């Protein structure tokens, strides 16, 4: 997750949280989930999902 290049993606304010957030690109959406990893000190629980072909 830390190696994702998110410079071209803007935050989605409606789901911007302390640990979890989404970022949107031209036709894509990336969901970043850090809640369990941070709360349980379990870096193996970091998760990200990329959705392509998303239309606004």
N, C-alpha and C. Protein backbone atom coordinates (compact mmCIF):
# COMPACT_ATOMS: atom_id res chain seq x y z
N UNK A 1 0.82 -1.19 0.00
CA UNK A 1 0.00 0.00 0.00
C UNK A 1 0.87 1.26 0.00
N UNK A 2 1.92 1.27 0.76
CA UNK A 2 2.76 2.47 0.85
C UNK A 2 3.45 2.78 -0.47
N UNK A 3 3.57 1.80 -1.36
CA UNK A 3 4.24 2.03 -2.63
C UNK A 3 3.29 2.55 -3.71
N UNK A 4 2.01 2.71 -3.41
CA UNK A 4 1.07 3.24 -4.39
C UNK A 4 1.40 4.70 -4.69
N UNK A 5 1.44 5.04 -5.96
CA UNK A 5 1.67 6.42 -6.38
C UNK A 5 0.31 7.12 -6.50
N UNK A 6 -0.05 7.89 -5.49
CA UNK A 6 -1.37 8.51 -5.46
C UNK A 6 -1.36 9.99 -5.82
N UNK A 7 -0.26 10.46 -6.38
CA UNK A 7 -0.14 11.88 -6.70
C UNK A 7 -1.18 12.37 -7.69
N UNK A 8 -1.64 11.52 -8.60
CA UNK A 8 -2.63 11.91 -9.61
C UNK A 8 -4.06 11.68 -9.13
N UNK A 9 -4.24 11.24 -7.90
CA UNK A 9 -5.56 10.93 -7.36
C UNK A 9 -5.94 11.98 -6.31
N UNK A 10 -7.20 12.37 -6.33
CA UNK A 10 -7.67 13.35 -5.35
C UNK A 10 -8.46 12.63 -4.26
N UNK A 11 -8.41 13.13 -3.02
CA UNK A 11 -9.18 12.51 -1.94
C UNK A 11 -10.68 12.63 -2.18
N UNK A 12 -11.42 11.65 -1.73
CA UNK A 12 -12.88 11.70 -1.76
C UNK A 12 -13.31 12.14 -0.35
N UNK A 13 -13.71 13.41 -0.19
CA UNK A 13 -13.99 13.95 1.14
C UNK A 13 -15.06 13.19 1.92
N UNK A 14 -16.03 12.64 1.23
CA UNK A 14 -17.13 11.95 1.91
C UNK A 14 -16.68 10.70 2.67
N UNK A 15 -15.57 10.13 2.30
CA UNK A 15 -15.09 8.91 2.97
C UNK A 15 -13.66 9.07 3.49
N UNK A 16 -13.26 10.31 3.70
CA UNK A 16 -11.92 10.55 4.24
C UNK A 16 -11.97 10.39 5.75
N UNK A 17 -11.29 9.39 6.25
CA UNK A 17 -11.28 9.13 7.68
C UNK A 17 -9.86 9.14 8.23
N UNK A 18 -9.75 8.90 9.51
CA UNK A 18 -8.45 8.88 10.16
C UNK A 18 -7.62 7.70 9.65
N UNK A 19 -8.26 6.55 9.48
CA UNK A 19 -7.52 5.37 9.05
C UNK A 19 -7.90 4.90 7.66
N UNK A 20 -9.12 5.10 7.23
CA UNK A 20 -9.57 4.63 5.93
C UNK A 20 -9.89 5.82 5.04
N UNK A 21 -9.60 5.67 3.74
CA UNK A 21 -9.90 6.75 2.81
C UNK A 21 -10.01 6.21 1.41
N UNK A 22 -10.60 7.00 0.55
CA UNK A 22 -10.69 6.68 -0.86
C UNK A 22 -10.04 7.81 -1.63
N UNK A 23 -9.49 7.47 -2.79
CA UNK A 23 -8.91 8.46 -3.70
C UNK A 23 -9.46 8.19 -5.08
N UNK A 24 -9.73 9.27 -5.83
CA UNK A 24 -10.34 9.10 -7.14
C UNK A 24 -9.42 9.68 -8.21
N UNK A 25 -9.35 8.95 -9.34
CA UNK A 25 -8.62 9.40 -10.52
C UNK A 25 -9.62 9.66 -11.63
N UNK A 26 -9.11 9.79 -12.85
CA UNK A 26 -9.99 10.12 -13.98
C UNK A 26 -11.09 9.07 -14.17
N UNK A 27 -10.74 7.81 -14.21
CA UNK A 27 -11.72 6.73 -14.39
C UNK A 27 -11.48 5.60 -13.39
N UNK A 28 -10.99 5.95 -12.22
CA UNK A 28 -10.68 4.92 -11.25
C UNK A 28 -10.89 5.41 -9.82
N UNK A 29 -10.96 4.46 -8.93
CA UNK A 29 -11.16 4.73 -7.51
C UNK A 29 -10.29 3.76 -6.73
N UNK A 30 -9.58 4.25 -5.73
CA UNK A 30 -8.75 3.41 -4.88
C UNK A 30 -9.24 3.54 -3.45
N UNK A 31 -9.58 2.42 -2.85
CA UNK A 31 -10.02 2.39 -1.45
C UNK A 31 -8.86 1.90 -0.59
N UNK A 32 -8.50 2.68 0.42
CA UNK A 32 -7.39 2.34 1.32
C UNK A 32 -7.95 2.07 2.71
N UNK A 33 -7.70 0.87 3.20
CA UNK A 33 -8.22 0.47 4.50
C UNK A 33 -7.06 0.19 5.46
N UNK A 34 -6.94 1.00 6.49
CA UNK A 34 -5.86 0.88 7.47
C UNK A 34 -6.36 0.63 8.89
N UNK A 35 -7.68 0.63 9.09
CA UNK A 35 -8.26 0.57 10.43
C UNK A 35 -7.76 -0.55 11.30
N UNK A 36 -7.88 -1.79 10.85
CA UNK A 36 -7.43 -2.92 11.66
C UNK A 36 -5.92 -2.91 11.84
N UNK A 37 -5.20 -2.53 10.79
CA UNK A 37 -3.74 -2.51 10.87
C UNK A 37 -3.26 -1.54 11.94
N UNK A 38 -3.88 -0.36 12.00
CA UNK A 38 -3.50 0.65 12.98
C UNK A 38 -4.01 0.27 14.37
N UNK A 39 -5.28 -0.09 14.45
CA UNK A 39 -5.90 -0.37 15.74
C UNK A 39 -5.33 -1.59 16.44
N UNK A 40 -4.93 -2.58 15.67
CA UNK A 40 -4.41 -3.82 16.26
C UNK A 40 -2.90 -3.96 16.11
N UNK A 41 -2.24 -2.91 15.63
CA UNK A 41 -0.80 -2.95 15.36
C UNK A 41 -0.46 -4.19 14.52
N UNK A 42 -1.19 -4.33 13.41
CA UNK A 42 -1.05 -5.49 12.54
C UNK A 42 -0.85 -5.04 11.10
N UNK A 43 0.38 -4.70 10.71
CA UNK A 43 0.61 -4.18 9.36
C UNK A 43 0.18 -5.14 8.25
N UNK A 44 0.09 -6.43 8.55
CA UNK A 44 -0.35 -7.39 7.55
C UNK A 44 -1.83 -7.21 7.20
N UNK A 45 -2.56 -6.42 7.98
CA UNK A 45 -3.98 -6.18 7.73
C UNK A 45 -4.24 -4.99 6.80
N UNK A 46 -3.19 -4.31 6.34
CA UNK A 46 -3.38 -3.21 5.39
C UNK A 46 -4.05 -3.74 4.13
N UNK A 47 -5.01 -3.00 3.61
CA UNK A 47 -5.74 -3.44 2.43
C UNK A 47 -5.98 -2.27 1.49
N UNK A 48 -5.89 -2.54 0.20
CA UNK A 48 -6.30 -1.54 -0.79
C UNK A 48 -7.03 -2.25 -1.93
N UNK A 49 -7.99 -1.56 -2.50
CA UNK A 49 -8.76 -2.10 -3.62
C UNK A 49 -8.79 -1.03 -4.70
N UNK A 50 -8.50 -1.42 -5.93
CA UNK A 50 -8.54 -0.49 -7.05
C UNK A 50 -9.70 -0.86 -7.97
N UNK A 51 -10.48 0.13 -8.33
CA UNK A 51 -11.61 -0.06 -9.23
C UNK A 51 -11.35 0.79 -10.46
N UNK A 52 -11.33 0.16 -11.63
CA UNK A 52 -11.09 0.90 -12.87
C UNK A 52 -12.36 0.92 -13.72
N UNK A 53 -12.45 1.90 -14.59
CA UNK A 53 -13.62 2.04 -15.44
C UNK A 53 -14.78 2.70 -14.72
N UNK A 54 -14.49 3.43 -13.66
CA UNK A 54 -15.51 4.12 -12.88
C UNK A 54 -15.86 5.42 -13.58
N UNK A 55 -17.13 5.67 -13.74
CA UNK A 55 -17.57 6.92 -14.37
C UNK A 55 -18.23 7.80 -13.32
N UNK A 56 -17.98 9.09 -13.43
CA UNK A 56 -18.56 10.05 -12.47
C UNK A 56 -19.99 10.33 -12.78
